[in-house]
Amino acid sequence: MRRTTTSVDAVIRIDQVWLAVEPVDMRSGMDRLLARVIEVFGASQPHHAYVFANRRGTRLKVLVCDGFGIWLAVRRLHQGSVHWPRPGDTQMALTAEQARALVIGLPWQRLGEYESISLL
């Protein structure tokens, strides 16, 4: 058996990423998270991703509305926690680079104008 590497287009198109800053119960499913999106953002927009975290910052859930349905992805960190904003604001928009940094645990808030980490 031979293994080949191919380029695959993204399955889900995401135009905007939003953080729901307040922690959520990670037992929440799609329906409860969608209700939270509507409560905080007013509506769910097609091709927008909404990112939720638990209080300790060790788990993330990403709800994506693609115009046809809803996708829900879950990430659990085995060590450390994600860098999350402090509660106060209820929503925050992220750039694509900030979203990538958030998901892998980097300090996304410190991405500068040129989308590179400038301060640790």
PDB file of N, CA and C in Angstrom:
ATOM      1  N   MET A   1       0.844  -1.171   0.000  1.00  0.00           N
ATOM      2  CA  MET A   1       0.000   0.000   0.000  1.00  0.00           C
ATOM      3  C   MET A   1       0.891   1.236   0.000  1.00  0.00           C
ATOM      4  N   ARG A   2       0.593   2.178  -0.842  1.00  0.00           N
ATOM      5  CA  ARG A   2       1.384   3.390  -0.944  1.00  0.00           C
ATOM      6  C   ARG A   2       0.584   4.564  -0.428  1.00  0.00           C
ATOM      7  N   ARG A   3       1.242   5.427   0.308  1.00  0.00           N
ATOM      8  CA  ARG A   3       0.592   6.613   0.860  1.00  0.00           C
ATOM      9  C   ARG A   3       0.932   7.809  -0.024  1.00  0.00           C
ATOM     10  N   THR A   4      -0.086   8.556  -0.392  1.00  0.00           N
ATOM     11  CA  THR A   4       0.144   9.750  -1.197  1.00  0.00           C
ATOM     12  C   THR A   4      -0.393  10.965  -0.472  1.00  0.00           C
ATOM     13  N   THR A   5       0.181  12.085  -0.761  1.00  0.00           N
ATOM     14  CA  THR A   5      -0.267  13.342  -0.177  1.00  0.00           C
ATOM     15  C   THR A   5      -0.970  14.139  -1.263  1.00  0.00           C
ATOM     16  N   THR A   6      -2.173  14.599  -0.951  1.00  0.00           N
ATOM     17  CA  THR A   6      -2.917  15.413  -1.911  1.00  0.00           C
ATOM     18  C   THR A   6      -3.393  16.679  -1.242  1.00  0.00           C
ATOM     19  N   SER A   7      -3.654  17.662  -2.037  1.00  0.00           N
ATOM     20  CA  SER A   7      -4.207  18.916  -1.542  1.00  0.00           C
ATOM     21  C   SER A   7      -5.724  18.803  -1.571  1.00  0.00           C
ATOM     22  N   VAL A   8      -6.366  19.137  -0.466  1.00  0.00           N
ATOM     23  CA  VAL A   8      -7.819  19.068  -0.372  1.00  0.00           C
ATOM     24  C   VAL A   8      -8.343  20.444  -0.007  1.00  0.00           C
ATOM     25  N   ASP A   9      -9.355  20.902  -0.720  1.00  0.00           N
ATOM     26  CA  ASP A   9      -9.978  22.172  -0.370  1.00  0.00           C
ATOM     27  C   ASP A   9     -10.643  22.047   0.986  1.00  0.00           C
ATOM     28  N   ALA A  10     -10.759  23.157   1.675  1.00  0.00           N
ATOM     29  CA  ALA A  10     -11.408  23.167   2.979  1.00  0.00           C
ATOM     30  C   ALA A  10     -12.849  22.697   2.845  1.00  0.00           C
ATOM     31  N   VAL A  11     -13.265  21.883   3.777  1.00  0.00           N
ATOM     32  CA  VAL A  11     -14.630  21.372   3.771  1.00  0.00           C
ATOM     33  C   VAL A  11     -15.601  22.452   4.210  1.00  0.00           C
ATOM     34  N   ILE A  12     -15.168  23.283   5.153  1.00  0.00           N
ATOM     35  CA  ILE A  12     -16.038  24.308   5.707  1.00  0.00           C
ATOM     36  C   ILE A  12     -15.426  25.676   5.416  1.00  0.00           C
ATOM     37  N   ARG A  13     -16.186  26.541   4.784  1.00  0.00           N
ATOM     38  CA  ARG A  13     -15.728  27.908   4.540  1.00  0.00           C
ATOM     39  C   ARG A  13     -16.049  28.761   5.757  1.00  0.00           C
ATOM     40  N   ILE A  14     -15.039  29.451   6.276  1.00  0.00           N
ATOM     41  CA  ILE A  14     -15.231  30.333   7.428  1.00  0.00           C
ATOM     42  C   ILE A  14     -14.723  31.710   7.050  1.00  0.00           C
ATOM     43  N   ASP A  15     -15.635  32.671   7.022  1.00  0.00           N
ATOM     44  CA  ASP A  15     -15.277  34.042   6.674  1.00  0.00           C
ATOM     45  C   ASP A  15     -14.950  34.890   7.898  1.00  0.00           C
ATOM     46  N   GLN A  16     -15.551  34.582   9.036  1.00  0.00           N
ATOM     47  CA  GLN A  16     -15.350  35.374  10.249  1.00  0.00           C
ATOM     48  C   GLN A  16     -15.384  34.453  11.454  1.00  0.00           C
ATOM     49  N   VAL A  17     -14.514  34.707  12.429  1.00  0.00           N
ATOM     50  CA  VAL A  17     -14.467  33.940  13.667  1.00  0.00           C
ATOM     51  C   VAL A  17     -14.804  34.874  14.820  1.00  0.00           C
ATOM     52  N   TRP A  18     -15.722  34.444  15.676  1.00  0.00           N
ATOM     53  CA  TRP A  18     -16.159  35.229  16.824  1.00  0.00           C
ATOM     54  C   TRP A  18     -15.913  34.445  18.100  1.00  0.00           C
ATOM     55  N   LEU A  19     -15.459  35.127  19.145  1.00  0.00           N
ATOM     56  CA  LEU A  19     -15.329  34.512  20.470  1.00  0.00           C
ATOM     57  C   LEU A  19     -16.539  34.882  21.304  1.00  0.00           C
ATOM     58  N   ALA A  20     -17.154  33.895  21.896  1.00  0.00           N
ATOM     59  CA  ALA A  20     -18.166  34.146  22.915  1.00  0.00           C
ATOM     60  C   ALA A  20     -17.378  34.156  24.221  1.00  0.00           C
ATOM     61  N   VAL A  21     -17.078  35.324  24.737  1.00  0.00           N
ATOM     62  CA  VAL A  21     -16.102  35.494  25.805  1.00  0.00           C
ATOM     63  C   VAL A  21     -16.511  34.811  27.104  1.00  0.00           C
ATOM     64  N   GLU A  22     -17.781  34.858  27.454  1.00  0.00           N
ATOM     65  CA  GLU A  22     -18.235  34.232  28.698  1.00  0.00           C
ATOM     66  C   GLU A  22     -18.076  32.719  28.601  1.00  0.00           C
ATOM     67  N   PRO A  23     -17.546  32.063  29.651  1.00  0.00           N
ATOM     68  CA  PRO A  23     -17.395  30.601  29.619  1.00  0.00           C
ATOM     69  C   PRO A  23     -18.747  29.906  29.514  1.00  0.00           C
ATOM     70  N   VAL A  24     -18.752  28.728  28.880  1.00  0.00           N
ATOM     71  CA  VAL A  24     -19.982  27.945  28.751  1.00  0.00           C
ATOM     72  C   VAL A  24     -19.769  26.550  29.319  1.00  0.00           C
ATOM     73  N   ASP A  25     -20.864  25.912  29.636  1.00  0.00           N
ATOM     74  CA  ASP A  25     -20.861  24.533  30.097  1.00  0.00           C
ATOM     75  C   ASP A  25     -20.552  23.651  28.887  1.00  0.00           C
ATOM     76  N   MET A  26     -19.490  22.884  28.949  1.00  0.00           N
ATOM     77  CA  MET A  26     -19.074  22.064  27.811  1.00  0.00           C
ATOM     78  C   MET A  26     -20.010  20.889  27.558  1.00  0.00           C
ATOM     79  N   ARG A  27     -21.000  20.687  28.403  1.00  0.00           N
ATOM     80  CA  ARG A  27     -22.010  19.671  28.115  1.00  0.00           C
ATOM     81  C   ARG A  27     -23.026  20.193  27.112  1.00  0.00           C
ATOM     82  N   SER A  28     -22.965  21.493  26.819  1.00  0.00           N
ATOM     83  CA  SER A  28     -23.889  22.108  25.866  1.00  0.00           C
ATOM     84  C   SER A  28     -23.692  21.518  24.481  1.00  0.00           C
ATOM     85  N   GLY A  29     -24.799  21.207  23.839  1.00  0.00           N
ATOM     86  CA  GLY A  29     -24.753  20.692  22.480  1.00  0.00           C
ATOM     87  C   GLY A  29     -25.013  21.800  21.477  1.00  0.00           C
ATOM     88  N   MET A  30     -25.235  21.397  20.228  1.00  0.00           N
ATOM     89  CA  MET A  30     -25.450  22.360  19.143  1.00  0.00           C
ATOM     90  C   MET A  30     -26.599  23.315  19.419  1.00  0.00           C
ATOM     91  N   ASP A  31     -27.713  22.786  19.869  1.00  0.00           N
ATOM     92  CA  ASP A  31     -28.900  23.620  20.054  1.00  0.00           C
ATOM     93  C   ASP A  31     -28.695  24.682  21.127  1.00  0.00           C
ATOM     94  N   ARG A  32     -28.102  24.297  22.249  1.00  0.00           N
ATOM     95  CA  ARG A  32     -27.875  25.260  23.324  1.00  0.00           C
ATOM     96  C   ARG A  32     -26.843  26.313  22.908  1.00  0.00           C
ATOM     97  N   LEU A  33     -25.778  25.881  22.204  1.00  0.00           N
ATOM     98  CA  LEU A  33     -24.766  26.835  21.750  1.00  0.00           C
ATOM     99  C   LEU A  33     -25.336  27.772  20.686  1.00  0.00           C
ATOM    100  N   LEU A  34     -26.171  27.245  19.800  1.00  0.00           N
ATOM    101  CA  LEU A  34     -26.811  28.091  18.800  1.00  0.00           C
ATOM    102  C   LEU A  34     -27.722  29.114  19.472  1.00  0.00           C
ATOM    103  N   ALA A  35     -28.438  28.700  20.507  1.00  0.00           N
ATOM    104  CA  ALA A  35     -29.283  29.637  21.255  1.00  0.00           C
ATOM    105  C   ALA A  35     -28.427  30.725  21.892  1.00  0.00           C
ATOM    106  N   ARG A  36     -27.251  30.350  22.382  1.00  0.00           N
ATOM    107  CA  ARG A  36     -26.326  31.341  22.974  1.00  0.00           C
ATOM    108  C   ARG A  36     -25.823  32.312  21.908  1.00  0.00           C
ATOM    109  N   VAL A  37     -25.521  31.801  20.707  1.00  0.00           N
ATOM    110  CA  VAL A  37     -25.082  32.665  19.602  1.00  0.00           C
ATOM    111  C   VAL A  37     -26.166  33.686  19.285  1.00  0.00           C
ATOM    112  N   ILE A  38     -27.403  33.229  19.187  1.00  0.00           N
ATOM    113  CA  ILE A  38     -28.511  34.136  18.867  1.00  0.00           C
ATOM    114  C   ILE A  38     -28.715  35.153  19.985  1.00  0.00           C
ATOM    115  N   GLU A  39     -28.553  34.707  21.240  1.00  0.00           N
ATOM    116  CA  GLU A  39     -28.693  35.613  22.383  1.00  0.00           C
ATOM    117  C   GLU A  39     -27.600  36.694  22.372  1.00  0.00           C
ATOM    118  N   VAL A  40     -26.357  36.310  22.103  1.00  0.00           N
ATOM    119  CA  VAL A  40     -25.238  37.244  22.175  1.00  0.00           C
ATOM    120  C   VAL A  40     -25.077  38.064  20.899  1.00  0.00           C
ATOM    121  N   PHE A  41     -25.190  37.406  19.737  1.00  0.00           N
ATOM    122  CA  PHE A  41     -24.894  38.064  18.467  1.00  0.00           C
ATOM    123  C   PHE A  41     -26.145  38.520  17.707  1.00  0.00           C
ATOM    124  N   GLY A  42     -27.318  38.098  18.144  1.00  0.00           N
ATOM    125  CA  GLY A  42     -28.552  38.482  17.475  1.00  0.00           C
ATOM    126  C   GLY A  42     -29.001  37.499  16.421  1.00  0.00           C
ATOM    127  N   ALA A  43     -28.073  36.820  15.771  1.00  0.00           N
ATOM    128  CA  ALA A  43     -28.372  35.806  14.746  1.00  0.00           C
ATOM    129  C   ALA A  43     -27.084  35.053  14.443  1.00  0.00           C
ATOM    130  N   SER A  44     -27.233  33.889  13.865  1.00  0.00           N
ATOM    131  CA  SER A  44     -26.047  33.171  13.383  1.00  0.00           C
ATOM    132  C   SER A  44     -25.917  33.459  11.895  1.00  0.00           C
ATOM    133  N   GLN A  45     -24.747  33.819  11.479  1.00  0.00           N
ATOM    134  CA  GLN A  45     -24.504  34.177  10.090  1.00  0.00           C
ATOM    135  C   GLN A  45     -23.860  33.010   9.344  1.00  0.00           C
ATOM    136  N   PRO A  46     -24.223  32.800   8.073  1.00  0.00           N
ATOM    137  CA  PRO A  46     -23.571  31.752   7.293  1.00  0.00           C
ATOM    138  C   PRO A  46     -22.070  32.011   7.171  1.00  0.00           C
ATOM    139  N   HIS A  47     -21.313  30.970   7.265  1.00  0.00           N
ATOM    140  CA  HIS A  47     -19.850  30.999   7.130  1.00  0.00           C
ATOM    141  C   HIS A  47     -19.169  31.776   8.249  1.00  0.00           C
ATOM    142  N   HIS A  48     -19.812  31.833   9.405  1.00  0.00           N
ATOM    143  CA  HIS A  48     -19.199  32.410  10.596  1.00  0.00           C
ATOM    144  C   HIS A  48     -18.986  31.286  11.601  1.00  0.00           C
ATOM    145  N   ALA A  49     -17.875  31.356  12.317  1.00  0.00           N
ATOM    146  CA  ALA A  49     -17.563  30.387  13.370  1.00  0.00           C
ATOM    147  C   ALA A  49     -17.667  31.091  14.715  1.00  0.00           C
ATOM    148  N   TYR A  50     -18.244  30.409  15.675  1.00  0.00           N
ATOM    149  CA  TYR A  50     -18.420  30.939  17.022  1.00  0.00           C
ATOM    150  C   TYR A  50     -17.668  30.020  17.972  1.00  0.00           C
ATOM    151  N   VAL A  51     -16.703  30.579  18.708  1.00  0.00           N
ATOM    152  CA  VAL A  51     -15.819  29.780  19.559  1.00  0.00           C
ATOM    153  C   VAL A  51     -16.211  29.981  21.014  1.00  0.00           C
ATOM    154  N   PHE A  52     -16.359  28.872  21.728  1.00  0.00           N
ATOM    155  CA  PHE A  52     -16.722  28.859  23.143  1.00  0.00           C
ATOM    156  C   PHE A  52     -15.642  28.110  23.915  1.00  0.00           C
ATOM    157  N   ALA A  53     -15.441  28.475  25.167  1.00  0.00           N
ATOM    158  CA  ALA A  53     -14.487  27.771  26.026  1.00  0.00           C
ATOM    159  C   ALA A  53     -15.113  27.539  27.388  1.00  0.00           C
ATOM    160  N   ASN A  54     -14.556  26.552  28.103  1.00  0.00           N
ATOM    161  CA  ASN A  54     -14.993  26.341  29.478  1.00  0.00           C
ATOM    162  C   ASN A  54     -14.253  27.317  30.389  1.00  0.00           C
ATOM    163  N   ARG A  55     -14.618  27.346  31.649  1.00  0.00           N
ATOM    164  CA  ARG A  55     -14.061  28.303  32.602  1.00  0.00           C
ATOM    165  C   ARG A  55     -12.542  28.142  32.761  1.00  0.00           C
ATOM    166  N   ARG A  56     -12.047  26.915  32.754  1.00  0.00           N
ATOM    167  CA  ARG A  56     -10.606  26.670  32.935  1.00  0.00           C
ATOM    168  C   ARG A  56      -9.797  26.860  31.658  1.00  0.00           C
ATOM    169  N   GLY A  57     -10.477  26.984  30.512  1.00  0.00           N
ATOM    170  CA  GLY A  57      -9.771  27.181  29.255  1.00  0.00           C
ATOM    171  C   GLY A  57      -9.090  25.927  28.731  1.00  0.00           C
ATOM    172  N   THR A  58      -9.571  24.769  29.150  1.00  0.00           N
ATOM    173  CA  THR A  58      -8.967  23.507  28.706  1.00  0.00           C
ATOM    174  C   THR A  58      -9.760  22.852  27.578  1.00  0.00           C
ATOM    175  N   ARG A  59     -10.937  23.381  27.281  1.00  0.00           N
ATOM    176  CA  ARG A  59     -11.779  22.832  26.217  1.00  0.00           C
ATOM    177  C   ARG A  59     -12.376  23.951  25.385  1.00  0.00           C
ATOM    178  N   LEU A  60     -12.457  23.695  24.087  1.00  0.00           N
ATOM    179  CA  LEU A  60     -13.067  24.626  23.148  1.00  0.00           C
ATOM    180  C   LEU A  60     -14.155  23.913  22.371  1.00  0.00           C
ATOM    181  N   LYS A  61     -15.194  24.637  22.032  1.00  0.00           N
ATOM    182  CA  LYS A  61     -16.190  24.166  21.081  1.00  0.00           C
ATOM    183  C   LYS A  61     -16.344  25.248  20.035  1.00  0.00           C
ATOM    184  N   VAL A  62     -16.385  24.827  18.778  1.00  0.00           N
ATOM    185  CA  VAL A  62     -16.532  25.761  17.666  1.00  0.00           C
ATOM    186  C   VAL A  62     -17.793  25.383  16.912  1.00  0.00           C
ATOM    187  N   LEU A  63     -18.711  26.314  16.836  1.00  0.00           N
ATOM    188  CA  LEU A  63     -19.972  26.134  16.124  1.00  0.00           C
ATOM    189  C   LEU A  63     -19.862  26.903  14.817  1.00  0.00           C
ATOM    190  N   VAL A  64     -20.071  26.222  13.695  1.00  0.00           N
ATOM    191  CA  VAL A  64     -19.982  26.864  12.383  1.00  0.00           C
ATOM    192  C   VAL A  64     -21.301  26.684  11.655  1.00  0.00           C
ATOM    193  N   CYS A  65     -21.858  27.783  11.209  1.00  0.00           N
ATOM    194  CA  CYS A  65     -23.071  27.763  10.403  1.00  0.00           C
ATOM    195  C   CYS A  65     -22.619  27.920   8.954  1.00  0.00           C
ATOM    196  N   ASP A  66     -22.889  26.917   8.116  1.00  0.00           N
ATOM    197  CA  ASP A  66     -22.379  26.959   6.741  1.00  0.00           C
ATOM    198  C   ASP A  66     -23.439  27.326   5.706  1.00  0.00           C
ATOM    199  N   GLY A  67     -24.622  27.700   6.135  1.00  0.00           N
ATOM    200  CA  GLY A  67     -25.684  28.052   5.209  1.00  0.00           C
ATOM    201  C   GLY A  67     -26.616  26.883   4.917  1.00  0.00           C
ATOM    202  N   PHE A  68     -26.157  25.668   5.192  1.00  0.00           N
ATOM    203  CA  PHE A  68     -26.981  24.469   4.984  1.00  0.00           C
ATOM    204  C   PHE A  68     -27.299  23.776   6.295  1.00  0.00           C
ATOM    205  N   GLY A  69     -26.422  23.935   7.256  1.00  0.00           N
ATOM    206  CA  GLY A  69     -26.574  23.272   8.539  1.00  0.00           C
ATOM    207  C   GLY A  69     -25.551  23.823   9.512  1.00  0.00           C
ATOM    208  N   ILE A  70     -25.313  23.048  10.557  1.00  0.00           N
ATOM    209  CA  ILE A  70     -24.406  23.484  11.616  1.00  0.00           C
ATOM    210  C   ILE A  70     -23.350  22.412  11.837  1.00  0.00           C
ATOM    211  N   TRP A  71     -22.107  22.840  12.007  1.00  0.00           N
ATOM    212  CA  TRP A  71     -20.999  21.966  12.352  1.00  0.00           C
ATOM    213  C   TRP A  71     -20.600  22.282  13.797  1.00  0.00           C
ATOM    214  N   LEU A  72     -20.217  21.258  14.540  1.00  0.00           N
ATOM    215  CA  LEU A  72     -19.723  21.469  15.897  1.00  0.00           C
ATOM    216  C   LEU A  72     -18.423  20.699  16.043  1.00  0.00           C
ATOM    217  N   ALA A  73     -17.365  21.411  16.381  1.00  0.00           N
ATOM    218  CA  ALA A  73     -16.064  20.787  16.605  1.00  0.00           C
ATOM    219  C   ALA A  73     -15.677  21.005  18.061  1.00  0.00           C
ATOM    220  N   VAL A  74     -14.959  20.037  18.619  1.00  0.00           N
ATOM    221  CA  VAL A  74     -14.549  20.094  20.017  1.00  0.00           C
ATOM    222  C   VAL A  74     -13.044  19.880  20.092  1.00  0.00           C
ATOM    223  N   ARG A  75     -12.379  20.654  20.952  1.00  0.00           N
ATOM    224  CA  ARG A  75     -10.951  20.465  21.187  1.00  0.00           C
ATOM    225  C   ARG A  75     -10.724  20.420  22.686  1.00  0.00           C
ATOM    226  N   ARG A  76      -9.975  19.396  23.125  1.00  0.00           N
ATOM    227  CA  ARG A  76      -9.630  19.260  24.542  1.00  0.00           C
ATOM    228  C   ARG A  76      -8.116  19.284  24.649  1.00  0.00           C
ATOM    229  N   LEU A  77      -7.596  20.172  25.480  1.00  0.00           N
ATOM    230  CA  LEU A  77      -6.161  20.251  25.699  1.00  0.00           C
ATOM    231  C   LEU A  77      -5.769  19.294  26.821  1.00  0.00           C
ATOM    232  N   HIS A  78      -4.718  18.547  26.609  1.00  0.00           N
ATOM    233  CA  HIS A  78      -4.242  17.627  27.647  1.00  0.00           C
ATOM    234  C   HIS A  78      -3.309  18.328  28.626  1.00  0.00           C
ATOM    235  N   GLN A  79      -2.694  19.422  28.180  1.00  0.00           N
ATOM    236  CA  GLN A  79      -1.824  20.214  29.046  1.00  0.00           C
ATOM    237  C   GLN A  79      -2.084  21.686  28.786  1.00  0.00           C
ATOM    238  N   GLY A  80      -1.967  22.483  29.821  1.00  0.00           N
ATOM    239  CA  GLY A  80      -2.125  23.926  29.667  1.00  0.00           C
ATOM    240  C   GLY A  80      -3.562  24.338  29.397  1.00  0.00           C
ATOM    241  N   SER A  81      -3.712  25.575  28.954  1.00  0.00           N
ATOM    242  CA  SER A  81      -5.038  26.094  28.648  1.00  0.00           C
ATOM    243  C   SER A  81      -4.912  27.111  27.517  1.00  0.00           C
ATOM    244  N   VAL A  82      -6.043  27.409  26.890  1.00  0.00           N
ATOM    245  CA  VAL A  82      -6.044  28.393  25.810  1.00  0.00           C
ATOM    246  C   VAL A  82      -5.966  29.792  26.415  1.00  0.00           C
ATOM    247  N   HIS A  83      -5.407  30.718  25.673  1.00  0.00           N
ATOM    248  CA  HIS A  83      -5.335  32.116  26.098  1.00  0.00           C
ATOM    249  C   HIS A  83      -6.677  32.745  25.759  1.00  0.00           C
ATOM    250  N   TRP A  84      -7.444  33.069  26.773  1.00  0.00           N
ATOM    251  CA  TRP A  84      -8.815  33.540  26.587  1.00  0.00           C
ATOM    252  C   TRP A  84      -8.948  34.944  27.145  1.00  0.00           C
ATOM    253  N   PRO A  85      -9.770  35.797  26.536  1.00  0.00           N
ATOM    254  CA  PRO A  85      -9.963  37.143  27.091  1.00  0.00           C
ATOM    255  C   PRO A  85     -10.683  37.079  28.429  1.00  0.00           C
ATOM    256  N   ARG A  86     -10.504  38.105  29.203  1.00  0.00           N
ATOM    257  CA  ARG A  86     -11.187  38.159  30.495  1.00  0.00           C
ATOM    258  C   ARG A  86     -12.655  38.487  30.285  1.00  0.00           C
ATOM    259  N   PRO A  87     -13.538  37.931  31.121  1.00  0.00           N
ATOM    260  CA  PRO A  87     -14.966  38.236  30.987  1.00  0.00           C
ATOM    261  C   PRO A  87     -15.238  39.733  31.137  1.00  0.00           C
ATOM    262  N   GLY A  88     -16.274  40.178  30.529  1.00  0.00           N
ATOM    263  CA  GLY A  88     -16.666  41.583  30.538  1.00  0.00           C
ATOM    264  C   GLY A  88     -17.360  41.883  29.228  1.00  0.00           C
ATOM    265  N   ASP A  89     -16.611  41.711  28.134  1.00  0.00           N
ATOM    266  CA  ASP A  89     -17.219  41.802  26.817  1.00  0.00           C
ATOM    267  C   ASP A  89     -17.896  40.475  26.535  1.00  0.00           C
ATOM    268  N   THR A  90     -18.935  40.493  25.724  1.00  0.00           N
ATOM    269  CA  THR A  90     -19.637  39.251  25.425  1.00  0.00           C
ATOM    270  C   THR A  90     -19.230  38.659  24.089  1.00  0.00           C
ATOM    271  N   GLN A  91     -18.551  39.452  23.240  1.00  0.00           N
ATOM    272  CA  GLN A  91     -18.151  38.950  21.936  1.00  0.00           C
ATOM    273  C   GLN A  91     -16.882  39.645  21.473  1.00  0.00           C
ATOM    274  N   MET A  92     -16.154  38.974  20.577  1.00  0.00           N
ATOM    275  CA  MET A  92     -14.922  39.529  20.054  1.00  0.00           C
ATOM    276  C   MET A  92     -14.642  38.861  18.717  1.00  0.00           C
ATOM    277  N   ALA A  93     -14.293  39.645  17.699  1.00  0.00           N
ATOM    278  CA  ALA A  93     -13.968  39.102  16.386  1.00  0.00           C
ATOM    279  C   ALA A  93     -12.479  38.795  16.314  1.00  0.00           C
ATOM    280  N   LEU A  94     -12.114  37.742  15.586  1.00  0.00           N
ATOM    281  CA  LEU A  94     -10.716  37.350  15.408  1.00  0.00           C
ATOM    282  C   LEU A  94     -10.368  37.321  13.929  1.00  0.00           C
ATOM    283  N   THR A  95      -9.118  37.583  13.626  1.00  0.00           N
ATOM    284  CA  THR A  95      -8.631  37.368  12.266  1.00  0.00           C
ATOM    285  C   THR A  95      -8.368  35.876  12.097  1.00  0.00           C
ATOM    286  N   ALA A  96      -8.142  35.441  10.871  1.00  0.00           N
ATOM    287  CA  ALA A  96      -7.843  34.029  10.614  1.00  0.00           C
ATOM    288  C   ALA A  96      -6.577  33.599  11.348  1.00  0.00           C
ATOM    289  N   GLU A  97      -5.550  34.435  11.343  1.00  0.00           N
ATOM    290  CA  GLU A  97      -4.300  34.095  12.032  1.00  0.00           C
ATOM    291  C   GLU A  97      -4.500  34.012  13.541  1.00  0.00           C
ATOM    292  N   GLN A  98      -5.294  34.914  14.104  1.00  0.00           N
ATOM    293  CA  GLN A  98      -5.577  34.859  15.532  1.00  0.00           C
ATOM    294  C   GLN A  98      -6.330  33.582  15.879  1.00  0.00           C
ATOM    295  N   ALA A  99      -7.279  33.180  15.046  1.00  0.00           N
ATOM    296  CA  ALA A  99      -8.044  31.948  15.291  1.00  0.00           C
ATOM    297  C   ALA A  99      -7.119  30.733  15.260  1.00  0.00           C
ATOM    298  N   ARG A 100      -6.203  30.670  14.288  1.00  0.00           N
ATOM    299  CA  ARG A 100      -5.249  29.549  14.228  1.00  0.00           C
ATOM    300  C   ARG A 100      -4.377  29.513  15.480  1.00  0.00           C
ATOM    301  N   ALA A 101      -3.898  30.682  15.903  1.00  0.00           N
ATOM    302  CA  ALA A 101      -3.059  30.744  17.102  1.00  0.00           C
ATOM    303  C   ALA A 101      -3.844  30.316  18.338  1.00  0.00           C
ATOM    304  N   LEU A 102      -5.093  30.740  18.455  1.00  0.00           N
ATOM    305  CA  LEU A 102      -5.935  30.367  19.587  1.00  0.00           C
ATOM    306  C   LEU A 102      -6.086  28.856  19.684  1.00  0.00           C
ATOM    307  N   VAL A 103      -6.402  28.221  18.566  1.00  0.00           N
ATOM    308  CA  VAL A 103      -6.671  26.783  18.564  1.00  0.00           C
ATOM    309  C   VAL A 103      -5.436  25.968  18.942  1.00  0.00           C
ATOM    310  N   ILE A 104      -4.249  26.443  18.605  1.00  0.00           N
ATOM    311  CA  ILE A 104      -3.053  25.676  18.973  1.00  0.00           C
ATOM    312  C   ILE A 104      -2.444  26.137  20.288  1.00  0.00           C
ATOM    313  N   GLY A 105      -3.079  27.104  20.952  1.00  0.00           N
ATOM    314  CA  GLY A 105      -2.656  27.494  22.288  1.00  0.00           C
ATOM    315  C   GLY A 105      -1.659  28.631  22.363  1.00  0.00           C
ATOM    316  N   LEU A 106      -1.432  29.338  21.268  1.00  0.00           N
ATOM    317  CA  LEU A 106      -0.513  30.474  21.278  1.00  0.00           C
ATOM    318  C   LEU A 106      -1.214  31.729  21.772  1.00  0.00           C
ATOM    319  N   PRO A 107      -0.461  32.714  22.247  1.00  0.00           N
ATOM    320  CA  PRO A 107      -1.069  33.962  22.731  1.00  0.00           C
ATOM    321  C   PRO A 107      -1.569  34.821  21.567  1.00  0.00           C
ATOM    322  N   TRP A 108      -2.733  34.509  21.057  1.00  0.00           N
ATOM    323  CA  TRP A 108      -3.294  35.153  19.865  1.00  0.00           C
ATOM    324  C   TRP A 108      -3.520  36.643  20.049  1.00  0.00           C
ATOM    325  N   GLN A 109      -3.716  37.104  21.297  1.00  0.00           N
ATOM    326  CA  GLN A 109      -3.970  38.527  21.531  1.00  0.00           C
ATOM    327  C   GLN A 109      -2.757  39.375  21.172  1.00  0.00           C
ATOM    328  N   ARG A 110      -1.593  38.752  21.093  1.00  0.00           N
ATOM    329  CA  ARG A 110      -0.358  39.500  20.853  1.00  0.00           C
ATOM    330  C   ARG A 110       0.057  39.511  19.393  1.00  0.00           C
ATOM    331  N   LEU A 111      -0.781  39.010  18.508  1.00  0.00           N
ATOM    332  CA  LEU A 111      -0.451  39.079  17.089  1.00  0.00           C
ATOM    333  C   LEU A 111      -0.542  40.537  16.656  1.00  0.00           C
ATOM    334  N   GLY A 112       0.526  41.026  16.092  1.00  0.00           N
ATOM    335  CA  GLY A 112       0.604  42.442  15.734  1.00  0.00           C
ATOM    336  C   GLY A 112       0.012  42.738  14.382  1.00  0.00           C
ATOM    337  N   GLU A 113       0.305  43.917  13.911  1.00  0.00           N
ATOM    338  CA  GLU A 113      -0.220  44.407  12.645  1.00  0.00           C
ATOM    339  C   GLU A 113       0.141  43.491  11.485  1.00  0.00           C
ATOM    340  N   TYR A 114       1.313  42.875  11.562  1.00  0.00           N
ATOM    341  CA  TYR A 114       1.777  42.009  10.467  1.00  0.00           C
ATOM    342  C   TYR A 114       1.461  40.551  10.747  1.00  0.00           C
ATOM    343  N   GLU A 115       0.579  40.278  11.710  1.00  0.00           N
ATOM    344  CA  GLU A 115       0.128  38.945  12.073  1.00  0.00           C
ATOM    345  C   GLU A 115       1.266  38.028  12.477  1.00  0.00           C
ATOM    346  N   SER A 116       2.231  38.598  13.176  1.00  0.00           N
ATOM    347  CA  SER A 116       3.293  37.795  13.744  1.00  0.00           C
ATOM    348  C   SER A 116       3.337  38.091  15.232  1.00  0.00           C
ATOM    349  N   ILE A 117       3.783  37.139  16.006  1.00  0.00           N
ATOM    350  CA  ILE A 117       3.851  37.334  17.458  1.00  0.00           C
ATOM    351  C   ILE A 117       5.013  38.267  17.752  1.00  0.00           C
ATOM    352  N   SER A 118       4.716  39.377  18.415  1.00  0.00           N
ATOM    353  CA  SER A 118       5.743  40.385  18.650  1.00  0.00           C
ATOM    354  C   SER A 118       6.170  40.479  20.103  1.00  0.00           C
ATOM    355  N   LEU A 119       5.431  39.850  21.031  1.00  0.00           N
ATOM    356  CA  LEU A 119       5.749  39.955  22.441  1.00  0.00           C
ATOM    357  C   LEU A 119       5.267  38.714  23.162  1.00  0.00           C
ATOM    358  N   LEU A 120       6.091  38.158  24.020  1.00  0.00           N
ATOM    359  CA  LEU A 120       5.683  36.997  24.820  1.00  0.00           C
ATOM    360  C   LEU A 120       5.623  37.334  26.264  1.00  0.00           C
TER     361      LEU A 120
END
